[in-house]
Amino acid sequence: MSTLTICTTCADGQGLALLEAVENEALARDGTVPVRGQACMAACAQSCTAALQGAGKHSYLFGQLTPDAACVDALLTVAAEHAEPGDGLLAWSRRPERLKRSVLGRLPPLG
């Protein structure tokens, strides 16, 4: 199981707007990846930020995100890919163009 977490305090309300846009689109798509908000993910200089995490999977932190349709679509696309069976490694070639240069960090799975 993967979870998409979006910083709610980024960029004077833009983080909250991104969370709401992603939640609304996930509902419209009958998305299966949980989406949640988190106050301050400590990457303020790279806001807006979002993270993908899952047990036994690589974790990702994305930055320089915006609450527009392209970004929302890209986040939901990688969240669905991350949720697929496996270690959650998001291959460069399969990432949406919008997120190819937005990765601030990738952490290996624990264990």
PDB file of N, CA and C in Angstrom:
ATOM      1  N   MET A   1       0.838  -1.182   0.000  1.00  0.00           N
ATOM      2  CA  MET A   1       0.000   0.000   0.000  1.00  0.00           C
ATOM      3  C   MET A   1       0.879   1.240   0.000  1.00  0.00           C
ATOM      4  N   SER A   2       0.536   2.164  -0.817  1.00  0.00           N
ATOM      5  CA  SER A   2       1.239   3.445  -0.901  1.00  0.00           C
ATOM      6  C   SER A   2       0.337   4.547  -0.398  1.00  0.00           C
ATOM      7  N   THR A   3       0.950   5.636   0.059  1.00  0.00           N
ATOM      8  CA  THR A   3       0.216   6.819   0.489  1.00  0.00           C
ATOM      9  C   THR A   3       0.871   8.045  -0.119  1.00  0.00           C
ATOM     10  N   LEU A   4       0.062   8.956  -0.628  1.00  0.00           N
ATOM     11  CA  LEU A   4       0.521  10.234  -1.146  1.00  0.00           C
ATOM     12  C   LEU A   4       0.225  11.291  -0.087  1.00  0.00           C
ATOM     13  N   THR A   5       1.274  11.964   0.378  1.00  0.00           N
ATOM     14  CA  THR A   5       1.139  12.989   1.410  1.00  0.00           C
ATOM     15  C   THR A   5       1.523  14.330   0.823  1.00  0.00           C
ATOM     16  N   ILE A   6       0.689  15.330   1.027  1.00  0.00           N
ATOM     17  CA  ILE A   6       0.916  16.663   0.463  1.00  0.00           C
ATOM     18  C   ILE A   6       1.016  17.673   1.602  1.00  0.00           C
ATOM     19  N   CYS A   7       2.039  18.512   1.538  1.00  0.00           N
ATOM     20  CA  CYS A   7       2.233  19.546   2.550  1.00  0.00           C
ATOM     21  C   CYS A   7       1.108  20.575   2.454  1.00  0.00           C
ATOM     22  N   THR A   8       0.458  20.813   3.576  1.00  0.00           N
ATOM     23  CA  THR A   8      -0.683  21.734   3.578  1.00  0.00           C
ATOM     24  C   THR A   8      -0.292  23.173   3.893  1.00  0.00           C
ATOM     25  N   THR A   9       0.949  23.390   4.321  1.00  0.00           N
ATOM     26  CA  THR A   9       1.352  24.742   4.718  1.00  0.00           C
ATOM     27  C   THR A   9       2.283  25.402   3.712  1.00  0.00           C
ATOM     28  N   CYS A  10       2.504  24.779   2.591  1.00  0.00           N
ATOM     29  CA  CYS A  10       3.400  25.320   1.563  1.00  0.00           C
ATOM     30  C   CYS A  10       2.822  26.560   0.888  1.00  0.00           C
ATOM     31  N   ALA A  11       3.701  27.502   0.629  1.00  0.00           N
ATOM     32  CA  ALA A  11       3.464  28.619  -0.290  1.00  0.00           C
ATOM     33  C   ALA A  11       2.146  29.355  -0.095  1.00  0.00           C
ATOM     34  N   ASP A  12       1.916  29.837   1.117  1.00  0.00           N
ATOM     35  CA  ASP A  12       0.748  30.692   1.385  1.00  0.00           C
ATOM     36  C   ASP A  12      -0.559  30.128   0.836  1.00  0.00           C
ATOM     37  N   GLY A  13      -0.856  28.899   1.182  1.00  0.00           N
ATOM     38  CA  GLY A  13      -2.123  28.291   0.788  1.00  0.00           C
ATOM     39  C   GLY A  13      -2.077  27.440  -0.456  1.00  0.00           C
ATOM     40  N   GLN A  14      -0.993  27.501  -1.200  1.00  0.00           N
ATOM     41  CA  GLN A  14      -0.901  26.701  -2.425  1.00  0.00           C
ATOM     42  C   GLN A  14      -0.840  25.205  -2.111  1.00  0.00           C
ATOM     43  N   GLY A  15      -0.212  24.843  -0.994  1.00  0.00           N
ATOM     44  CA  GLY A  15      -0.154  23.438  -0.605  1.00  0.00           C
ATOM     45  C   GLY A  15      -1.536  22.880  -0.310  1.00  0.00           C
ATOM     46  N   LEU A  16      -2.319  23.642   0.408  1.00  0.00           N
ATOM     47  CA  LEU A  16      -3.688  23.220   0.706  1.00  0.00           C
ATOM     48  C   LEU A  16      -4.514  23.132  -0.575  1.00  0.00           C
ATOM     49  N   ALA A  17      -4.314  24.074  -1.476  1.00  0.00           N
ATOM     50  CA  ALA A  17      -5.013  24.034  -2.767  1.00  0.00           C
ATOM     51  C   ALA A  17      -4.604  22.792  -3.563  1.00  0.00           C
ATOM     52  N   LEU A  18      -3.322  22.441  -3.510  1.00  0.00           N
ATOM     53  CA  LEU A  18      -2.849  21.233  -4.201  1.00  0.00           C
ATOM     54  C   LEU A  18      -3.489  19.992  -3.589  1.00  0.00           C
ATOM     55  N   LEU A  19      -3.515  19.917  -2.267  1.00  0.00           N
ATOM     56  CA  LEU A  19      -4.142  18.777  -1.601  1.00  0.00           C
ATOM     57  C   LEU A  19      -5.601  18.640  -2.030  1.00  0.00           C
ATOM     58  N   GLU A  20      -6.342  19.726  -1.999  1.00  0.00           N
ATOM     59  CA  GLU A  20      -7.760  19.678  -2.366  1.00  0.00           C
ATOM     60  C   GLU A  20      -7.953  19.255  -3.812  1.00  0.00           C
ATOM     61  N   ALA A  21      -7.106  19.761  -4.707  1.00  0.00           N
ATOM     62  CA  ALA A  21      -7.206  19.395  -6.126  1.00  0.00           C
ATOM     63  C   ALA A  21      -6.909  17.912  -6.330  1.00  0.00           C
ATOM     64  N   VAL A  22      -5.885  17.408  -5.642  1.00  0.00           N
ATOM     65  CA  VAL A  22      -5.533  15.991  -5.761  1.00  0.00           C
ATOM     66  C   VAL A  22      -6.636  15.117  -5.168  1.00  0.00           C
ATOM     67  N   GLU A  23      -7.145  15.487  -4.005  1.00  0.00           N
ATOM     68  CA  GLU A  23      -8.232  14.714  -3.398  1.00  0.00           C
ATOM     69  C   GLU A  23      -9.451  14.656  -4.309  1.00  0.00           C
ATOM     70  N   ASN A  24      -9.834  15.798  -4.873  1.00  0.00           N
ATOM     71  CA  ASN A  24     -11.003  15.842  -5.760  1.00  0.00           C
ATOM     72  C   ASN A  24     -10.802  14.987  -7.001  1.00  0.00           C
ATOM     73  N   GLU A  25      -9.631  15.068  -7.601  1.00  0.00           N
ATOM     74  CA  GLU A  25      -9.368  14.279  -8.808  1.00  0.00           C
ATOM     75  C   GLU A  25      -9.265  12.798  -8.472  1.00  0.00           C
ATOM     76  N   ALA A  26      -8.686  12.458  -7.326  1.00  0.00           N
ATOM     77  CA  ALA A  26      -8.605  11.055  -6.910  1.00  0.00           C
ATOM     78  C   ALA A  26     -10.004  10.468  -6.737  1.00  0.00           C
ATOM     79  N   LEU A  27     -10.914  11.246  -6.154  1.00  0.00           N
ATOM     80  CA  LEU A  27     -12.301  10.790  -6.011  1.00  0.00           C
ATOM     81  C   LEU A  27     -12.960  10.600  -7.373  1.00  0.00           C
ATOM     82  N   ALA A  28     -12.725  11.538  -8.283  1.00  0.00           N
ATOM     83  CA  ALA A  28     -13.308  11.450  -9.618  1.00  0.00           C
ATOM     84  C   ALA A  28     -12.810  10.222 -10.371  1.00  0.00           C
ATOM     85  N   ARG A  29     -11.577   9.820 -10.094  1.00  0.00           N
ATOM     86  CA  ARG A  29     -10.974   8.659 -10.772  1.00  0.00           C
ATOM     87  C   ARG A  29     -11.180   7.361 -10.001  1.00  0.00           C
ATOM     88  N   ASP A  30     -11.860   7.415  -8.878  1.00  0.00           N
ATOM     89  CA  ASP A  30     -11.983   6.252  -7.993  1.00  0.00           C
ATOM     90  C   ASP A  30     -10.606   5.719  -7.621  1.00  0.00           C
ATOM     91  N   GLY A  31      -9.704   6.645  -7.296  1.00  0.00           N
ATOM     92  CA  GLY A  31      -8.334   6.278  -6.937  1.00  0.00           C
ATOM     93  C   GLY A  31      -8.276   5.400  -5.704  1.00  0.00           C
ATOM     94  N   THR A  32      -7.283   4.525  -5.682  1.00  0.00           N
ATOM     95  CA  THR A  32      -7.140   3.593  -4.563  1.00  0.00           C
ATOM     96  C   THR A  32      -6.005   3.973  -3.624  1.00  0.00           C
ATOM     97  N   VAL A  33      -5.175   4.935  -4.021  1.00  0.00           N
ATOM     98  CA  VAL A  33      -4.062   5.361  -3.177  1.00  0.00           C
ATOM     99  C   VAL A  33      -4.571   6.429  -2.210  1.00  0.00           C
ATOM    100  N   PRO A  34      -4.400   6.209  -0.903  1.00  0.00           N
ATOM    101  CA  PRO A  34      -4.819   7.228   0.059  1.00  0.00           C
ATOM    102  C   PRO A  34      -4.041   8.532  -0.142  1.00  0.00           C
ATOM    103  N   VAL A  35      -4.745   9.641   0.001  1.00  0.00           N
ATOM    104  CA  VAL A  35      -4.147  10.979  -0.090  1.00  0.00           C
ATOM    105  C   VAL A  35      -4.398  11.652   1.251  1.00  0.00           C
ATOM    106  N   ARG A  36      -3.341  12.229   1.810  1.00  0.00           N
ATOM    107  CA  ARG A  36      -3.498  12.910   3.097  1.00  0.00           C
ATOM    108  C   ARG A  36      -2.669  14.178   3.116  1.00  0.00           C
ATOM    109  N   GLY A  37      -3.030  15.065   4.005  1.00  0.00           N
ATOM    110  CA  GLY A  37      -2.281  16.297   4.195  1.00  0.00           C
ATOM    111  C   GLY A  37      -1.396  16.210   5.421  1.00  0.00           C
ATOM    112  N   GLN A  38      -0.321  16.972   5.383  1.00  0.00           N
ATOM    113  CA  GLN A  38       0.612  17.036   6.508  1.00  0.00           C
ATOM    114  C   GLN A  38       1.131  18.466   6.603  1.00  0.00           C
ATOM    115  N   ALA A  39       1.030  19.045   7.781  1.00  0.00           N
ATOM    116  CA  ALA A  39       1.568  20.394   7.987  1.00  0.00           C
ATOM    117  C   ALA A  39       3.089  20.336   7.969  1.00  0.00           C
ATOM    118  N   CYS A  40       3.693  21.169   7.202  1.00  0.00           N
ATOM    119  CA  CYS A  40       5.133  21.360   7.042  1.00  0.00           C
ATOM    120  C   CYS A  40       5.942  20.076   6.896  1.00  0.00           C
ATOM    121  N   MET A  41       6.426  19.867   5.699  1.00  0.00           N
ATOM    122  CA  MET A  41       7.283  18.726   5.408  1.00  0.00           C
ATOM    123  C   MET A  41       8.750  19.163   5.325  1.00  0.00           C
ATOM    124  N   ALA A  42       9.045  20.375   5.802  1.00  0.00           N
ATOM    125  CA  ALA A  42      10.406  20.896   5.967  1.00  0.00           C
ATOM    126  C   ALA A  42      11.198  20.996   4.668  1.00  0.00           C
ATOM    127  N   ALA A  43      10.518  21.324   3.592  1.00  0.00           N
ATOM    128  CA  ALA A  43      11.194  21.582   2.324  1.00  0.00           C
ATOM    129  C   ALA A  43      10.676  22.903   1.760  1.00  0.00           C
ATOM    130  N   CYS A  44      10.551  23.879   2.635  1.00  0.00           N
ATOM    131  CA  CYS A  44       9.908  25.152   2.311  1.00  0.00           C
ATOM    132  C   CYS A  44      10.523  25.863   1.110  1.00  0.00           C
ATOM    133  N   ALA A  45      11.816  25.765   0.933  1.00  0.00           N
ATOM    134  CA  ALA A  45      12.478  26.428  -0.193  1.00  0.00           C
ATOM    135  C   ALA A  45      12.121  25.775  -1.528  1.00  0.00           C
ATOM    136  N   GLN A  46      11.503  24.594  -1.481  1.00  0.00           N
ATOM    137  CA  GLN A  46      11.144  23.859  -2.700  1.00  0.00           C
ATOM    138  C   GLN A  46       9.635  23.664  -2.815  1.00  0.00           C
ATOM    139  N   SER A  47       8.863  24.492  -2.137  1.00  0.00           N
ATOM    140  CA  SER A  47       7.417  24.272  -2.075  1.00  0.00           C
ATOM    141  C   SER A  47       6.766  24.518  -3.432  1.00  0.00           C
ATOM    142  N   CYS A  48       5.674  23.860  -3.595  1.00  0.00           N
ATOM    143  CA  CYS A  48       4.905  22.926  -2.781  1.00  0.00           C
ATOM    144  C   CYS A  48       5.540  21.533  -2.863  1.00  0.00           C
ATOM    145  N   THR A  49       5.331  20.744  -1.796  1.00  0.00           N
ATOM    146  CA  THR A  49       5.942  19.430  -1.734  1.00  0.00           C
ATOM    147  C   THR A  49       4.912  18.330  -1.503  1.00  0.00           C
ATOM    148  N   ALA A  50       5.297  17.122  -1.937  1.00  0.00           N
ATOM    149  CA  ALA A  50       4.485  15.932  -1.734  1.00  0.00           C
ATOM    150  C   ALA A  50       5.421  14.745  -1.573  1.00  0.00           C
ATOM    151  N   ALA A  51       4.963  13.729  -0.869  1.00  0.00           N
ATOM    152  CA  ALA A  51       5.767  12.529  -0.648  1.00  0.00           C
ATOM    153  C   ALA A  51       4.956  11.291  -1.002  1.00  0.00           C
ATOM    154  N   LEU A  52       5.664  10.280  -1.475  1.00  0.00           N
ATOM    155  CA  LEU A  52       5.094   8.955  -1.701  1.00  0.00           C
ATOM    156  C   LEU A  52       5.817   7.986  -0.791  1.00  0.00           C
ATOM    157  N   GLN A  53       5.055   7.207  -0.030  1.00  0.00           N
ATOM    158  CA  GLN A  53       5.632   6.238   0.888  1.00  0.00           C
ATOM    159  C   GLN A  53       4.802   4.970   0.880  1.00  0.00           C
ATOM    160  N   GLY A  54       5.446   3.876   1.216  1.00  0.00           N
ATOM    161  CA  GLY A  54       4.753   2.609   1.369  1.00  0.00           C
ATOM    162  C   GLY A  54       5.674   1.594   2.015  1.00  0.00           C
ATOM    163  N   ALA A  55       5.108   0.690   2.773  1.00  0.00           N
ATOM    164  CA  ALA A  55       5.899  -0.340   3.441  1.00  0.00           C
ATOM    165  C   ALA A  55       6.656  -1.167   2.399  1.00  0.00           C
ATOM    166  N   GLY A  56       7.970  -1.292   2.603  1.00  0.00           N
ATOM    167  CA  GLY A  56       8.805  -2.076   1.697  1.00  0.00           C
ATOM    168  C   GLY A  56       9.065  -1.417   0.362  1.00  0.00           C
ATOM    169  N   LYS A  57       8.790  -0.127   0.267  1.00  0.00           N
ATOM    170  CA  LYS A  57       8.944   0.595  -1.009  1.00  0.00           C
ATOM    171  C   LYS A  57       9.883   1.776  -0.843  1.00  0.00           C
ATOM    172  N   HIS A  58      10.488   2.205  -1.963  1.00  0.00           N
ATOM    173  CA  HIS A  58      11.249   3.448  -1.964  1.00  0.00           C
ATOM    174  C   HIS A  58      10.296   4.589  -1.622  1.00  0.00           C
ATOM    175  N   SER A  59      10.786   5.566  -0.892  1.00  0.00           N
ATOM    176  CA  SER A  59      10.009   6.772  -0.572  1.00  0.00           C
ATOM    177  C   SER A  59      10.541   7.924  -1.413  1.00  0.00           C
ATOM    178  N   TYR A  60       9.657   8.792  -1.847  1.00  0.00           N
ATOM    179  CA  TYR A  60      10.031   9.934  -2.683  1.00  0.00           C
ATOM    180  C   TYR A  60       9.514  11.223  -2.064  1.00  0.00           C
ATOM    181  N   LEU A  61      10.298  12.281  -2.220  1.00  0.00           N
ATOM    182  CA  LEU A  61       9.863  13.630  -1.882  1.00  0.00           C
ATOM    183  C   LEU A  61       9.958  14.461  -3.151  1.00  0.00           C
ATOM    184  N   PHE A  62       8.833  15.029  -3.559  1.00  0.00           N
ATOM    185  CA  PHE A  62       8.762  15.875  -4.751  1.00  0.00           C
ATOM    186  C   PHE A  62       8.601  17.324  -4.326  1.00  0.00           C
ATOM    187  N   GLY A  63       9.194  18.238  -5.076  1.00  0.00           N
ATOM    188  CA  GLY A  63       9.076  19.651  -4.785  1.00  0.00           C
ATOM    189  C   GLY A  63       8.775  20.469  -6.019  1.00  0.00           C
ATOM    190  N   GLN A  64       8.573  21.758  -5.802  1.00  0.00           N
ATOM    191  CA  GLN A  64       8.259  22.719  -6.851  1.00  0.00           C
ATOM    192  C   GLN A  64       6.979  22.336  -7.599  1.00  0.00           C
ATOM    193  N   LEU A  65       5.984  21.932  -6.815  1.00  0.00           N
ATOM    194  CA  LEU A  65       4.695  21.521  -7.365  1.00  0.00           C
ATOM    195  C   LEU A  65       3.712  22.680  -7.335  1.00  0.00           C
ATOM    196  N   THR A  66       2.707  22.620  -8.176  1.00  0.00           N
ATOM    197  CA  THR A  66       1.676  23.647  -8.262  1.00  0.00           C
ATOM    198  C   THR A  66       0.301  22.973  -8.309  1.00  0.00           C
ATOM    199  N   PRO A  67      -0.745  23.662  -7.884  1.00  0.00           N
ATOM    200  CA  PRO A  67      -2.084  23.056  -7.872  1.00  0.00           C
ATOM    201  C   PRO A  67      -2.795  23.130  -9.227  1.00  0.00           C
ATOM    202  N   ASP A  68      -2.067  22.846 -10.305  1.00  0.00           N
ATOM    203  CA  ASP A  68      -2.687  22.867 -11.634  1.00  0.00           C
ATOM    204  C   ASP A  68      -2.974  21.433 -12.107  1.00  0.00           C
ATOM    205  N   ALA A  69      -3.745  21.315 -13.165  1.00  0.00           N
ATOM    206  CA  ALA A  69      -4.196  20.006 -13.654  1.00  0.00           C
ATOM    207  C   ALA A  69      -3.042  19.092 -14.040  1.00  0.00           C
ATOM    208  N   ALA A  70      -1.997  19.621 -14.651  1.00  0.00           N
ATOM    209  CA  ALA A  70      -0.861  18.786 -15.069  1.00  0.00           C
ATOM    210  C   ALA A  70      -0.152  18.183 -13.869  1.00  0.00           C
ATOM    211  N   CYS A  71       0.028  18.962 -12.841  1.00  0.00           N
ATOM    212  CA  CYS A  71       0.701  18.481 -11.640  1.00  0.00           C
ATOM    213  C   CYS A  71      -0.166  17.464 -10.900  1.00  0.00           C
ATOM    214  N   VAL A  72      -1.442  17.744 -10.795  1.00  0.00           N
ATOM    215  CA  VAL A  72      -2.373  16.827 -10.138  1.00  0.00           C
ATOM    216  C   VAL A  72      -2.370  15.486 -10.864  1.00  0.00           C
ATOM    217  N   ASP A  73      -2.459  15.518 -12.180  1.00  0.00           N
ATOM    218  CA  ASP A  73      -2.441  14.289 -12.972  1.00  0.00           C
ATOM    219  C   ASP A  73      -1.133  13.531 -12.775  1.00  0.00           C
ATOM    220  N   ALA A  74      -0.013  14.242 -12.790  1.00  0.00           N
ATOM    221  CA  ALA A  74       1.295  13.600 -12.622  1.00  0.00           C
ATOM    222  C   ALA A  74       1.404  12.934 -11.256  1.00  0.00           C
ATOM    223  N   LEU A  75       0.948  13.597 -10.199  1.00  0.00           N
ATOM    224  CA  LEU A  75       1.021  13.017  -8.858  1.00  0.00           C
ATOM    225  C   LEU A  75       0.164  11.758  -8.750  1.00  0.00           C
ATOM    226  N   LEU A  76      -1.021  11.789  -9.311  1.00  0.00           N
ATOM    227  CA  LEU A  76      -1.884  10.612  -9.243  1.00  0.00           C
ATOM    228  C   LEU A  76      -1.343   9.475 -10.104  1.00  0.00           C
ATOM    229  N   THR A  77      -0.698   9.814 -11.192  1.00  0.00           N
ATOM    230  CA  THR A  77      -0.086   8.795 -12.055  1.00  0.00           C
ATOM    231  C   THR A  77       1.048   8.076 -11.336  1.00  0.00           C
ATOM    232  N   VAL A  78       1.963   8.829 -10.709  1.00  0.00           N
ATOM    233  CA  VAL A  78       3.077   8.179 -10.012  1.00  0.00           C
ATOM    234  C   VAL A  78       2.594   7.467  -8.748  1.00  0.00           C
ATOM    235  N   ALA A  79       1.549   7.978  -8.117  1.00  0.00           N
ATOM    236  CA  ALA A  79       1.010   7.305  -6.932  1.00  0.00           C
ATOM    237  C   ALA A  79       0.471   5.925  -7.317  1.00  0.00           C
ATOM    238  N   ALA A  80      -0.227   5.844  -8.423  1.00  0.00           N
ATOM    239  CA  ALA A  80      -0.745   4.552  -8.892  1.00  0.00           C
ATOM    240  C   ALA A  80       0.400   3.616  -9.259  1.00  0.00           C
ATOM    241  N   GLU A  81       1.435   4.140  -9.892  1.00  0.00           N
ATOM    242  CA  GLU A  81       2.603   3.328 -10.245  1.00  0.00           C
ATOM    243  C   GLU A  81       3.311   2.842  -8.985  1.00  0.00           C
ATOM    244  N   HIS A  82       3.472   3.712  -8.016  1.00  0.00           N
ATOM    245  CA  HIS A  82       4.137   3.365  -6.760  1.00  0.00           C
ATOM    246  C   HIS A  82       3.375   2.267  -6.018  1.00  0.00           C
ATOM    247  N   ALA A  83       2.064   2.265  -6.146  1.00  0.00           N
ATOM    248  CA  ALA A  83       1.221   1.295  -5.450  1.00  0.00           C
ATOM    249  C   ALA A  83       1.254  -0.094  -6.085  1.00  0.00           C
ATOM    250  N   GLU A  84       1.795  -0.207  -7.293  1.00  0.00           N
ATOM    251  CA  GLU A  84       1.888  -1.509  -7.950  1.00  0.00           C
ATOM    252  C   GLU A  84       2.799  -2.426  -7.138  1.00  0.00           C
ATOM    253  N   PRO A  85       2.616  -3.736  -7.255  1.00  0.00           N
ATOM    254  CA  PRO A  85       3.504  -4.658  -6.536  1.00  0.00           C
ATOM    255  C   PRO A  85       4.972  -4.380  -6.886  1.00  0.00           C
ATOM    256  N   GLY A  86       5.823  -4.503  -5.896  1.00  0.00           N
ATOM    257  CA  GLY A  86       7.247  -4.274  -6.097  1.00  0.00           C
ATOM    258  C   GLY A  86       7.793  -3.308  -5.067  1.00  0.00           C
ATOM    259  N   ASP A  87       8.996  -2.808  -5.359  1.00  0.00           N
ATOM    260  CA  ASP A  87       9.708  -1.977  -4.392  1.00  0.00           C
ATOM    261  C   ASP A  87       9.418  -0.483  -4.512  1.00  0.00           C
ATOM    262  N   GLY A  88       8.497  -0.102  -5.392  1.00  0.00           N
ATOM    263  CA  GLY A  88       8.111   1.300  -5.507  1.00  0.00           C
ATOM    264  C   GLY A  88       9.091   2.169  -6.263  1.00  0.00           C
ATOM    265  N   LEU A  89      10.117   1.574  -6.855  1.00  0.00           N
ATOM    266  CA  LEU A  89      11.088   2.356  -7.612  1.00  0.00           C
ATOM    267  C   LEU A  89      10.409   2.919  -8.861  1.00  0.00           C
ATOM    268  N   LEU A  90      10.439   4.239  -8.994  1.00  0.00           N
ATOM    269  CA  LEU A  90       9.787   4.917 -10.123  1.00  0.00           C
ATOM    270  C   LEU A  90      10.814   5.151 -11.228  1.00  0.00           C
ATOM    271  N   ALA A  91      10.761   4.337 -12.243  1.00  0.00           N
ATOM    272  CA  ALA A  91      11.712   4.449 -13.351  1.00  0.00           C
ATOM    273  C   ALA A  91      11.578   5.814 -14.022  1.00  0.00           C
ATOM    274  N   TRP A  92      12.708   6.420 -14.328  1.00  0.00           N
ATOM    275  CA  TRP A  92      12.746   7.730 -14.986  1.00  0.00           C
ATOM    276  C   TRP A  92      11.868   7.731 -16.244  1.00  0.00           C
ATOM    277  N   SER A  93      11.962   6.695 -17.035  1.00  0.00           N
ATOM    278  CA  SER A  93      11.238   6.635 -18.309  1.00  0.00           C
ATOM    279  C   SER A  93       9.724   6.559 -18.128  1.00  0.00           C
ATOM    280  N   ARG A  94       9.253   6.101 -16.979  1.00  0.00           N
ATOM    281  CA  ARG A  94       7.814   5.985 -16.734  1.00  0.00           C
ATOM    282  C   ARG A  94       7.240   7.167 -15.970  1.00  0.00           C
ATOM    283  N   ARG A  95       8.100   8.044 -15.463  1.00  0.00           N
ATOM    284  CA  ARG A  95       7.608   9.203 -14.714  1.00  0.00           C
ATOM    285  C   ARG A  95       6.990  10.224 -15.669  1.00  0.00           C
ATOM    286  N   PRO A  96       5.903  10.861 -15.246  1.00  0.00           N
ATOM    287  CA  PRO A  96       5.362  11.961 -16.048  1.00  0.00           C
ATOM    288  C   PRO A  96       6.413  13.072 -16.180  1.00  0.00           C
ATOM    289  N   GLU A  97       6.448  13.695 -17.303  1.00  0.00           N
ATOM    290  CA  GLU A  97       7.432  14.755 -17.564  1.00  0.00           C
ATOM    291  C   GLU A  97       7.442  15.798 -16.451  1.00  0.00           C
ATOM    292  N   ARG A  98       6.276  16.137 -15.935  1.00  0.00           N
ATOM    293  CA  ARG A  98       6.150  17.171 -14.897  1.00  0.00           C
ATOM    294  C   ARG A  98       6.942  16.828 -13.632  1.00  0.00           C
ATOM    295  N   LEU A  99       7.168  15.529 -13.380  1.00  0.00           N
ATOM    296  CA  LEU A  99       7.847  15.130 -12.150  1.00  0.00           C
ATOM    297  C   LEU A  99       9.276  14.628 -12.355  1.00  0.00           C
ATOM    298  N   LYS A 100       9.758  14.607 -13.566  1.00  0.00           N
ATOM    299  CA  LYS A 100      11.111  14.094 -13.810  1.00  0.00           C
ATOM    300  C   LYS A 100      12.187  14.911 -13.104  1.00  0.00           C
ATOM    301  N   ARG A 101      11.993  16.197 -12.979  1.00  0.00           N
ATOM    302  CA  ARG A 101      12.990  17.056 -12.342  1.00  0.00           C
ATOM    303  C   ARG A 101      12.524  17.606 -10.996  1.00  0.00           C
ATOM    304  N   SER A 102      11.481  17.022 -10.466  1.00  0.00           N
ATOM    305  CA  SER A 102      10.921  17.498  -9.199  1.00  0.00           C
ATOM    306  C   SER A 102      11.297  16.641  -8.003  1.00  0.00           C
ATOM    307  N   VAL A 103      12.057  15.589  -8.211  1.00  0.00           N
ATOM    308  CA  VAL A 103      12.422  14.709  -7.096  1.00  0.00           C
ATOM    309  C   VAL A 103      13.471  15.401  -6.242  1.00  0.00           C
ATOM    310  N   LEU A 104      13.138  15.633  -4.984  1.00  0.00           N
ATOM    311  CA  LEU A 104      14.074  16.218  -4.032  1.00  0.00           C
ATOM    312  C   LEU A 104      14.843  15.138  -3.289  1.00  0.00           C
ATOM    313  N   GLY A 105      14.248  13.963  -3.187  1.00  0.00           N
ATOM    314  CA  GLY A 105      14.919  12.873  -2.497  1.00  0.00           C
ATOM    315  C   GLY A 105      14.223  11.550  -2.740  1.00  0.00           C
ATOM    316  N   ARG A 106      15.029  10.479  -2.712  1.00  0.00           N
ATOM    317  CA  ARG A 106      14.505   9.114  -2.807  1.00  0.00           C
ATOM    318  C   ARG A 106      15.221   8.314  -1.726  1.00  0.00           C
ATOM    319  N   LEU A 107      14.450   7.676  -0.875  1.00  0.00           N
ATOM    320  CA  LEU A 107      14.997   6.868   0.206  1.00  0.00           C
ATOM    321  C   LEU A 107      14.705   5.402  -0.061  1.00  0.00           C
ATOM    322  N   PRO A 108      15.665   4.528   0.213  1.00  0.00           N
ATOM    323  CA  PRO A 108      15.424   3.106  -0.023  1.00  0.00           C
ATOM    324  C   PRO A 108      14.446   2.535   0.983  1.00  0.00           C
ATOM    325  N   PRO A 109      13.844   1.404   0.642  1.00  0.00           N
ATOM    326  CA  PRO A 109      12.936   0.753   1.581  1.00  0.00           C
ATOM    327  C   PRO A 109      13.696   0.323   2.839  1.00  0.00           C
ATOM    328  N   LEU A 110      13.003   0.316   3.958  1.00  0.00           N
ATOM    329  CA  LEU A 110      13.583  -0.202   5.188  1.00  0.00           C
ATOM    330  C   LEU A 110      13.555  -1.730   5.157  1.00  0.00           C
ATOM    331  N   GLY A 111      14.529  -2.313   5.763  1.00  0.00           N
ATOM    332  CA  GLY A 111      14.547  -3.770   5.904  1.00  0.00           C
ATOM    333  C   GLY A 111      15.141  -4.532   4.789  1.00  0.00           C
TER     334      GLY A 111
END
